[in-house]
Amino acid sequence: MARHNIRPLAEGDIPEIVLIERAVFPDPWSRQAFSEALRSDHMRSLTAVDQADRVVGYAMGSVVTDEGEILNLAVIPDARGLGTGRALLDELLEALRVAGARAAFLEVRRSNDAAIALYRAVGFEPLGVRRSYYDRPKEDALTMRLELGSQSAME
């Protein structure tokens, strides 16, 4: 069972989010990109904090008309395997659904087996491949889709 609390991401969380982003992704978002995203009306952003109120993960998505997109999901290595990523994903999907999204989309590195397994576990299905989507290192992205209309918030 996860030992975390999921809450809306706040401006004060950004320094910790940037550190996680740099540790987890080879082509990380900048502090400015997170600040701008957080101020955008179409964004939904969550963070997971441990019992000491340390940020251990975050998830960001957007909603445009009736489509949601998972933009970013990361959990620090020492908090993995506790259900944190799944809890963030579940909460973000519910936030997208409540905001009017009928389907959610995402891109994931083809080599990221753990993320692909997580997305499949909640019902995402592969749509196709975007060749050379990622730059550092150059890699294809698997595109995935999930219908949200049939998903319960408690699944």
N, C-alpha and C. Protein backbone atom coordinates (compact mmCIF):
# COMPACT_ATOMS: atom_id res chain seq x y z
N MET A 1 0.84 -1.18 0.00
CA MET A 1 0.00 0.00 0.00
C MET A 1 0.88 1.24 0.00
N ALA A 2 0.46 2.24 -0.75
CA ALA A 2 1.24 3.47 -0.87
C ALA A 2 1.19 4.27 0.44
N ARG A 3 2.31 4.90 0.74
CA ARG A 3 2.39 5.76 1.90
C ARG A 3 2.57 7.19 1.43
N HIS A 4 1.52 7.75 0.87
CA HIS A 4 1.60 9.08 0.30
C HIS A 4 0.25 9.77 0.38
N ASN A 5 0.28 11.06 0.15
CA ASN A 5 -0.93 11.86 0.07
C ASN A 5 -0.89 12.56 -1.29
N ILE A 6 -1.97 12.49 -2.03
CA ILE A 6 -2.05 13.16 -3.33
C ILE A 6 -2.77 14.48 -3.12
N ARG A 7 -2.19 15.54 -3.63
CA ARG A 7 -2.80 16.87 -3.52
C ARG A 7 -2.48 17.68 -4.78
N PRO A 8 -3.20 18.79 -5.00
CA PRO A 8 -2.86 19.64 -6.15
C PRO A 8 -1.42 20.15 -6.04
N LEU A 9 -0.76 20.20 -7.16
CA LEU A 9 0.60 20.71 -7.20
C LEU A 9 0.55 22.22 -7.01
N ALA A 10 1.41 22.74 -6.15
CA ALA A 10 1.45 24.17 -5.86
C ALA A 10 2.76 24.76 -6.37
N GLU A 11 2.77 26.06 -6.56
CA GLU A 11 3.98 26.76 -7.03
C GLU A 11 5.19 26.42 -6.14
N GLY A 12 4.96 26.31 -4.85
CA GLY A 12 6.05 26.00 -3.92
C GLY A 12 6.64 24.61 -4.10
N ASP A 13 5.93 23.73 -4.81
CA ASP A 13 6.43 22.38 -5.07
C ASP A 13 7.40 22.33 -6.25
N ILE A 14 7.42 23.38 -7.05
CA ILE A 14 8.17 23.33 -8.31
C ILE A 14 9.66 23.05 -8.11
N PRO A 15 10.35 23.65 -7.13
CA PRO A 15 11.77 23.30 -6.99
C PRO A 15 12.01 21.80 -6.79
N GLU A 16 11.17 21.14 -5.99
CA GLU A 16 11.30 19.69 -5.79
C GLU A 16 10.92 18.92 -7.05
N ILE A 17 9.90 19.39 -7.75
CA ILE A 17 9.47 18.74 -9.00
C ILE A 17 10.60 18.80 -10.03
N VAL A 18 11.25 19.95 -10.13
CA VAL A 18 12.36 20.10 -11.09
C VAL A 18 13.49 19.13 -10.76
N LEU A 19 13.80 18.95 -9.49
CA LEU A 19 14.84 17.99 -9.09
C LEU A 19 14.46 16.57 -9.50
N ILE A 20 13.20 16.20 -9.27
CA ILE A 20 12.74 14.87 -9.68
C ILE A 20 12.82 14.74 -11.19
N GLU A 21 12.34 15.74 -11.89
CA GLU A 21 12.34 15.74 -13.36
C GLU A 21 13.75 15.51 -13.90
N ARG A 22 14.72 16.21 -13.33
CA ARG A 22 16.12 16.07 -13.78
C ARG A 22 16.69 14.70 -13.45
N ALA A 23 16.24 14.12 -12.34
CA ALA A 23 16.75 12.80 -11.95
C ALA A 23 16.14 11.67 -12.77
N VAL A 24 14.93 11.88 -13.26
CA VAL A 24 14.17 10.80 -13.90
C VAL A 24 14.22 10.84 -15.42
N PHE A 25 14.20 12.04 -16.01
CA PHE A 25 14.07 12.16 -17.46
C PHE A 25 15.36 12.69 -18.10
N PRO A 26 15.75 12.13 -19.24
CA PRO A 26 16.95 12.61 -19.91
C PRO A 26 16.77 13.97 -20.59
N ASP A 27 15.53 14.39 -20.82
CA ASP A 27 15.24 15.67 -21.45
C ASP A 27 14.20 16.39 -20.59
N PRO A 28 14.62 16.89 -19.42
CA PRO A 28 13.66 17.41 -18.44
C PRO A 28 13.04 18.76 -18.80
N TRP A 29 11.83 18.97 -18.27
CA TRP A 29 11.18 20.27 -18.37
C TRP A 29 11.96 21.26 -17.49
N SER A 30 11.89 22.53 -17.83
CA SER A 30 12.54 23.58 -17.03
C SER A 30 11.59 24.04 -15.92
N ARG A 31 12.17 24.76 -14.97
CA ARG A 31 11.36 25.36 -13.91
C ARG A 31 10.30 26.28 -14.52
N GLN A 32 10.70 27.05 -15.52
CA GLN A 32 9.77 27.97 -16.18
C GLN A 32 8.63 27.22 -16.85
N ALA A 33 8.94 26.09 -17.48
CA ALA A 33 7.88 25.31 -18.14
C ALA A 33 6.86 24.82 -17.11
N PHE A 34 7.33 24.38 -15.95
CA PHE A 34 6.40 23.94 -14.90
C PHE A 34 5.57 25.12 -14.39
N SER A 35 6.20 26.26 -14.17
CA SER A 35 5.46 27.44 -13.68
C SER A 35 4.38 27.86 -14.67
N GLU A 36 4.73 27.89 -15.95
CA GLU A 36 3.76 28.28 -16.97
C GLU A 36 2.62 27.26 -17.05
N ALA A 37 2.95 25.99 -16.99
CA ALA A 37 1.93 24.95 -17.05
C ALA A 37 0.97 25.06 -15.86
N LEU A 38 1.52 25.32 -14.71
CA LEU A 38 0.71 25.41 -13.50
C LEU A 38 -0.30 26.56 -13.58
N ARG A 39 0.06 27.61 -14.28
CA ARG A 39 -0.84 28.77 -14.41
C ARG A 39 -1.88 28.62 -15.51
N SER A 40 -1.78 27.58 -16.31
CA SER A 40 -2.68 27.38 -17.44
C SER A 40 -4.00 26.76 -16.98
N ASP A 41 -5.10 27.33 -17.47
CA ASP A 41 -6.43 26.85 -17.08
C ASP A 41 -6.72 25.42 -17.53
N HIS A 42 -6.12 24.98 -18.61
CA HIS A 42 -6.42 23.65 -19.12
C HIS A 42 -5.57 22.55 -18.49
N MET A 43 -4.65 22.92 -17.61
CA MET A 43 -3.78 21.93 -16.97
C MET A 43 -4.38 21.39 -15.67
N ARG A 44 -4.09 20.15 -15.41
CA ARG A 44 -4.41 19.50 -14.14
C ARG A 44 -3.10 18.94 -13.62
N SER A 45 -2.71 19.35 -12.41
CA SER A 45 -1.40 18.98 -11.87
C SER A 45 -1.54 18.50 -10.44
N LEU A 46 -0.92 17.36 -10.17
CA LEU A 46 -0.99 16.75 -8.85
C LEU A 46 0.41 16.40 -8.36
N THR A 47 0.55 16.32 -7.06
CA THR A 47 1.80 15.86 -6.48
C THR A 47 1.50 14.84 -5.40
N ALA A 48 2.45 13.96 -5.20
CA ALA A 48 2.37 12.98 -4.11
C ALA A 48 3.43 13.36 -3.09
N VAL A 49 3.02 13.41 -1.84
CA VAL A 49 3.97 13.73 -0.76
C VAL A 49 3.95 12.59 0.25
N ASP A 50 5.11 12.37 0.87
CA ASP A 50 5.20 11.32 1.88
C ASP A 50 4.79 11.88 3.24
N GLN A 51 4.96 11.07 4.27
CA GLN A 51 4.51 11.47 5.60
C GLN A 51 5.29 12.66 6.14
N ALA A 52 6.49 12.90 5.61
CA ALA A 52 7.29 14.06 6.02
C ALA A 52 7.04 15.27 5.12
N ASP A 53 6.00 15.20 4.27
CA ASP A 53 5.63 16.25 3.33
C ASP A 53 6.69 16.48 2.26
N ARG A 54 7.49 15.44 1.98
CA ARG A 54 8.49 15.48 0.91
C ARG A 54 7.80 15.07 -0.39
N VAL A 55 8.00 15.86 -1.44
CA VAL A 55 7.42 15.53 -2.74
C VAL A 55 8.13 14.29 -3.28
N VAL A 56 7.33 13.25 -3.58
CA VAL A 56 7.91 12.00 -4.09
C VAL A 56 7.45 11.68 -5.51
N GLY A 57 6.52 12.47 -6.03
CA GLY A 57 6.07 12.24 -7.39
C GLY A 57 5.09 13.31 -7.82
N TYR A 58 4.82 13.33 -9.12
CA TYR A 58 3.89 14.31 -9.65
C TYR A 58 3.31 13.80 -10.96
N ALA A 59 2.19 14.38 -11.33
CA ALA A 59 1.54 14.05 -12.60
C ALA A 59 0.91 15.32 -13.15
N MET A 60 1.03 15.49 -14.47
CA MET A 60 0.46 16.65 -15.12
C MET A 60 -0.26 16.22 -16.38
N GLY A 61 -1.42 16.82 -16.59
CA GLY A 61 -2.19 16.53 -17.78
C GLY A 61 -2.93 17.76 -18.23
N SER A 62 -3.46 17.70 -19.44
CA SER A 62 -4.21 18.83 -19.96
C SER A 62 -5.53 18.33 -20.55
N VAL A 63 -6.48 19.24 -20.62
CA VAL A 63 -7.77 18.96 -21.23
C VAL A 63 -8.06 20.06 -22.24
N VAL A 64 -8.30 19.65 -23.48
CA VAL A 64 -8.71 20.56 -24.53
C VAL A 64 -9.95 19.94 -25.16
N THR A 65 -11.02 20.69 -25.16
CA THR A 65 -12.36 20.21 -25.55
C THR A 65 -12.66 18.93 -24.78
N ASP A 66 -12.79 17.80 -25.47
CA ASP A 66 -13.12 16.56 -24.76
C ASP A 66 -11.96 15.55 -24.77
N GLU A 67 -10.74 16.04 -24.98
CA GLU A 67 -9.57 15.16 -24.98
C GLU A 67 -8.61 15.53 -23.87
N GLY A 68 -8.19 14.52 -23.14
CA GLY A 68 -7.18 14.71 -22.11
C GLY A 68 -5.86 14.15 -22.59
N GLU A 69 -4.79 14.71 -22.07
CA GLU A 69 -3.47 14.19 -22.40
C GLU A 69 -2.63 14.12 -21.13
N ILE A 70 -2.02 12.98 -20.91
CA ILE A 70 -1.07 12.82 -19.82
C ILE A 70 0.25 13.39 -20.34
N LEU A 71 0.73 14.44 -19.71
CA LEU A 71 1.95 15.10 -20.18
C LEU A 71 3.19 14.65 -19.43
N ASN A 72 3.03 14.36 -18.16
CA ASN A 72 4.18 14.04 -17.35
C ASN A 72 3.75 13.26 -16.11
N LEU A 73 4.51 12.24 -15.79
CA LEU A 73 4.26 11.43 -14.59
C LEU A 73 5.60 10.91 -14.14
N ALA A 74 5.97 11.21 -12.90
CA ALA A 74 7.27 10.74 -12.39
C ALA A 74 7.18 10.48 -10.90
N VAL A 75 7.92 9.48 -10.46
CA VAL A 75 8.04 9.12 -9.05
C VAL A 75 9.52 8.92 -8.76
N ILE A 76 9.99 9.46 -7.64
CA ILE A 76 11.40 9.29 -7.30
C ILE A 76 11.70 7.81 -7.10
N PRO A 77 12.92 7.39 -7.43
CA PRO A 77 13.25 5.97 -7.36
C PRO A 77 12.97 5.31 -6.00
N ASP A 78 13.25 5.97 -4.89
CA ASP A 78 13.05 5.31 -3.60
C ASP A 78 11.59 5.26 -3.16
N ALA A 79 10.68 5.82 -3.96
CA ALA A 79 9.25 5.74 -3.65
C ALA A 79 8.52 4.85 -4.65
N ARG A 80 9.25 4.22 -5.53
CA ARG A 80 8.61 3.34 -6.52
C ARG A 80 8.24 2.01 -5.88
N GLY A 81 7.26 1.36 -6.47
CA GLY A 81 6.82 0.07 -5.96
C GLY A 81 5.86 0.18 -4.78
N LEU A 82 5.45 1.40 -4.46
CA LEU A 82 4.52 1.62 -3.34
C LEU A 82 3.12 2.01 -3.81
N GLY A 83 2.92 2.02 -5.11
CA GLY A 83 1.63 2.40 -5.66
C GLY A 83 1.48 3.89 -5.91
N THR A 84 2.55 4.64 -5.76
CA THR A 84 2.48 6.09 -5.92
C THR A 84 2.15 6.48 -7.36
N GLY A 85 2.83 5.87 -8.32
CA GLY A 85 2.57 6.18 -9.73
C GLY A 85 1.13 5.86 -10.11
N ARG A 86 0.65 4.71 -9.65
CA ARG A 86 -0.74 4.32 -9.95
C ARG A 86 -1.72 5.29 -9.31
N ALA A 87 -1.47 5.68 -8.07
CA ALA A 87 -2.38 6.62 -7.39
C ALA A 87 -2.39 7.97 -8.11
N LEU A 88 -1.22 8.46 -8.50
CA LEU A 88 -1.17 9.72 -9.24
C LEU A 88 -1.92 9.61 -10.56
N LEU A 89 -1.69 8.51 -11.28
CA LEU A 89 -2.35 8.32 -12.56
C LEU A 89 -3.87 8.24 -12.39
N ASP A 90 -4.33 7.47 -11.43
CA ASP A 90 -5.77 7.35 -11.19
C ASP A 90 -6.40 8.71 -10.88
N GLU A 91 -5.75 9.46 -10.00
CA GLU A 91 -6.28 10.79 -9.62
C GLU A 91 -6.27 11.75 -10.81
N LEU A 92 -5.20 11.69 -11.60
CA LEU A 92 -5.12 12.58 -12.76
C LEU A 92 -6.19 12.23 -13.79
N LEU A 93 -6.38 10.95 -14.04
CA LEU A 93 -7.41 10.53 -14.99
C LEU A 93 -8.79 10.99 -14.53
N GLU A 94 -9.06 10.90 -13.24
CA GLU A 94 -10.34 11.36 -12.72
C GLU A 94 -10.47 12.88 -12.89
N ALA A 95 -9.39 13.62 -12.64
CA ALA A 95 -9.43 15.07 -12.82
C ALA A 95 -9.69 15.43 -14.29
N LEU A 96 -9.09 14.69 -15.20
CA LEU A 96 -9.32 14.93 -16.63
C LEU A 96 -10.77 14.63 -16.99
N ARG A 97 -11.29 13.52 -16.46
CA ARG A 97 -12.68 13.14 -16.74
C ARG A 97 -13.64 14.21 -16.22
N VAL A 98 -13.43 14.65 -14.99
CA VAL A 98 -14.28 15.67 -14.39
C VAL A 98 -14.22 16.98 -15.19
N ALA A 99 -13.06 17.26 -15.79
CA ALA A 99 -12.89 18.47 -16.60
C ALA A 99 -13.49 18.34 -18.00
N GLY A 100 -14.06 17.17 -18.30
CA GLY A 100 -14.75 17.00 -19.57
C GLY A 100 -14.08 16.09 -20.58
N ALA A 101 -12.94 15.53 -20.24
CA ALA A 101 -12.27 14.64 -21.18
C ALA A 101 -13.03 13.33 -21.30
N ARG A 102 -13.25 12.89 -22.52
CA ARG A 102 -13.92 11.60 -22.77
C ARG A 102 -12.90 10.51 -23.09
N ALA A 103 -11.68 10.94 -23.43
CA ALA A 103 -10.59 10.01 -23.71
C ALA A 103 -9.29 10.67 -23.27
N ALA A 104 -8.31 9.85 -22.93
CA ALA A 104 -6.98 10.36 -22.56
C ALA A 104 -5.95 9.74 -23.48
N PHE A 105 -4.96 10.53 -23.82
CA PHE A 105 -3.88 10.10 -24.70
C PHE A 105 -2.55 10.34 -24.01
N LEU A 106 -1.52 9.67 -24.49
CA LEU A 106 -0.17 9.90 -23.99
C LEU A 106 0.84 9.35 -24.97
N GLU A 107 2.08 9.80 -24.79
CA GLU A 107 3.22 9.23 -25.48
C GLU A 107 4.18 8.73 -24.41
N VAL A 108 4.81 7.60 -24.66
CA VAL A 108 5.76 7.02 -23.72
C VAL A 108 6.91 6.42 -24.52
N ARG A 109 8.12 6.54 -23.97
CA ARG A 109 9.27 5.93 -24.65
C ARG A 109 9.03 4.44 -24.82
N ARG A 110 9.34 3.94 -25.99
CA ARG A 110 9.12 2.51 -26.26
C ARG A 110 9.94 1.62 -25.33
N SER A 111 11.04 2.14 -24.80
CA SER A 111 11.89 1.35 -23.90
C SER A 111 11.43 1.40 -22.45
N ASN A 112 10.41 2.21 -22.12
CA ASN A 112 9.98 2.38 -20.74
C ASN A 112 8.94 1.33 -20.37
N ASP A 113 9.42 0.11 -20.16
CA ASP A 113 8.53 -1.02 -19.89
C ASP A 113 7.68 -0.82 -18.63
N ALA A 114 8.25 -0.23 -17.60
CA ALA A 114 7.49 -0.04 -16.35
C ALA A 114 6.31 0.91 -16.58
N ALA A 115 6.55 2.00 -17.28
CA ALA A 115 5.47 2.96 -17.55
C ALA A 115 4.41 2.33 -18.45
N ILE A 116 4.85 1.62 -19.47
CA ILE A 116 3.89 0.97 -20.38
C ILE A 116 3.02 -0.02 -19.61
N ALA A 117 3.63 -0.77 -18.71
CA ALA A 117 2.87 -1.73 -17.90
C ALA A 117 1.86 -1.01 -17.01
N LEU A 118 2.25 0.11 -16.43
CA LEU A 118 1.33 0.90 -15.60
C LEU A 118 0.16 1.39 -16.44
N TYR A 119 0.46 1.96 -17.60
CA TYR A 119 -0.62 2.48 -18.45
C TYR A 119 -1.55 1.37 -18.93
N ARG A 120 -1.00 0.23 -19.28
CA ARG A 120 -1.84 -0.90 -19.69
C ARG A 120 -2.71 -1.38 -18.53
N ALA A 121 -2.17 -1.35 -17.31
CA ALA A 121 -2.90 -1.81 -16.14
C ALA A 121 -4.17 -1.00 -15.88
N VAL A 122 -4.16 0.29 -16.27
CA VAL A 122 -5.37 1.10 -16.08
C VAL A 122 -6.25 1.11 -17.32
N GLY A 123 -5.81 0.42 -18.39
CA GLY A 123 -6.66 0.28 -19.56
C GLY A 123 -6.21 0.99 -20.82
N PHE A 124 -5.08 1.70 -20.78
CA PHE A 124 -4.58 2.34 -22.00
C PHE A 124 -4.25 1.27 -23.02
N GLU A 125 -4.55 1.58 -24.28
CA GLU A 125 -4.25 0.67 -25.38
C GLU A 125 -3.36 1.39 -26.38
N PRO A 126 -2.42 0.66 -26.97
CA PRO A 126 -1.53 1.28 -27.96
C PRO A 126 -2.29 1.73 -29.20
N LEU A 127 -1.89 2.89 -29.71
CA LEU A 127 -2.47 3.42 -30.95
C LEU A 127 -1.48 3.30 -32.10
N GLY A 128 -0.24 3.59 -31.82
CA GLY A 128 0.77 3.58 -32.87
C GLY A 128 2.11 4.03 -32.33
N VAL A 129 2.99 4.34 -33.26
CA VAL A 129 4.35 4.74 -32.91
C VAL A 129 4.67 6.07 -33.57
N ARG A 130 5.29 6.96 -32.81
CA ARG A 130 5.79 8.22 -33.36
C ARG A 130 7.31 8.07 -33.46
N ARG A 131 7.79 7.97 -34.67
CA ARG A 131 9.22 7.74 -34.92
C ARG A 131 10.06 8.94 -34.45
N SER A 132 11.14 8.62 -33.76
CA SER A 132 12.11 9.64 -33.30
C SER A 132 11.45 10.79 -32.56
N TYR A 133 10.44 10.49 -31.76
CA TYR A 133 9.69 11.51 -31.02
C TYR A 133 10.56 12.17 -29.96
N TYR A 134 11.36 11.38 -29.27
CA TYR A 134 12.24 11.89 -28.22
C TYR A 134 13.61 12.20 -28.79
N ASP A 135 14.23 13.27 -28.25
CA ASP A 135 15.53 13.68 -28.76
C ASP A 135 16.71 13.17 -27.95
N ARG A 136 16.59 13.12 -26.64
CA ARG A 136 17.73 12.75 -25.78
C ARG A 136 17.41 11.55 -24.93
N PRO A 137 17.84 10.39 -25.26
CA PRO A 137 18.38 10.01 -26.56
C PRO A 137 17.25 9.87 -27.58
N LYS A 138 17.61 9.85 -28.83
CA LYS A 138 16.64 9.71 -29.91
C LYS A 138 15.93 8.38 -29.74
N GLU A 139 14.60 8.43 -29.69
CA GLU A 139 13.83 7.20 -29.48
C GLU A 139 12.40 7.40 -29.95
N ASP A 140 11.79 6.31 -30.37
CA ASP A 140 10.39 6.32 -30.76
C ASP A 140 9.50 6.41 -29.53
N ALA A 141 8.30 6.94 -29.74
CA ALA A 141 7.28 6.98 -28.69
C ALA A 141 6.14 6.05 -29.07
N LEU A 142 5.63 5.34 -28.10
CA LEU A 142 4.40 4.58 -28.27
C LEU A 142 3.27 5.52 -27.87
N THR A 143 2.27 5.68 -28.74
CA THR A 143 1.11 6.48 -28.38
C THR A 143 0.04 5.54 -27.85
N MET A 144 -0.66 5.99 -26.82
CA MET A 144 -1.67 5.16 -26.17
C MET A 144 -2.92 5.98 -25.91
N ARG A 145 -4.06 5.28 -25.78
CA ARG A 145 -5.36 5.93 -25.59
C ARG A 145 -6.18 5.15 -24.58
N LEU A 146 -6.96 5.89 -23.80
CA LEU A 146 -7.88 5.30 -22.83
C LEU A 146 -9.21 6.02 -22.93
N GLU A 147 -10.29 5.26 -23.08
CA GLU A 147 -11.64 5.82 -23.01
C GLU A 147 -11.94 6.12 -21.55
N LEU A 148 -12.35 7.34 -21.24
CA LEU A 148 -12.63 7.70 -19.86
C LEU A 148 -14.11 7.56 -19.52
N GLY A 149 -14.97 7.58 -20.50
CA GLY A 149 -16.39 7.49 -20.23
C GLY A 149 -16.81 6.23 -19.52
N SER A 150 -16.07 5.13 -19.76
CA SER A 150 -16.43 3.85 -19.16
C SER A 150 -15.65 3.58 -17.89
N GLN A 151 -14.76 4.48 -17.53
CA GLN A 151 -13.92 4.26 -16.35
C GLN A 151 -14.55 4.86 -15.11
N SER A 152 -14.61 4.08 -14.07
CA SER A 152 -15.09 4.57 -12.79
C SER A 152 -13.94 5.23 -12.05
N ALA A 153 -14.26 6.23 -11.26
CA ALA A 153 -13.23 6.93 -10.47
C ALA A 153 -12.60 6.00 -9.45
N MET A 154 -13.25 4.92 -9.09
CA MET A 154 -12.73 4.04 -8.05
C MET A 154 -11.98 2.83 -8.59
N GLU A 155 -11.86 2.69 -9.88
CA GLU A 155 -11.16 1.53 -10.45
C GLU A 155 -9.70 1.56 -10.10
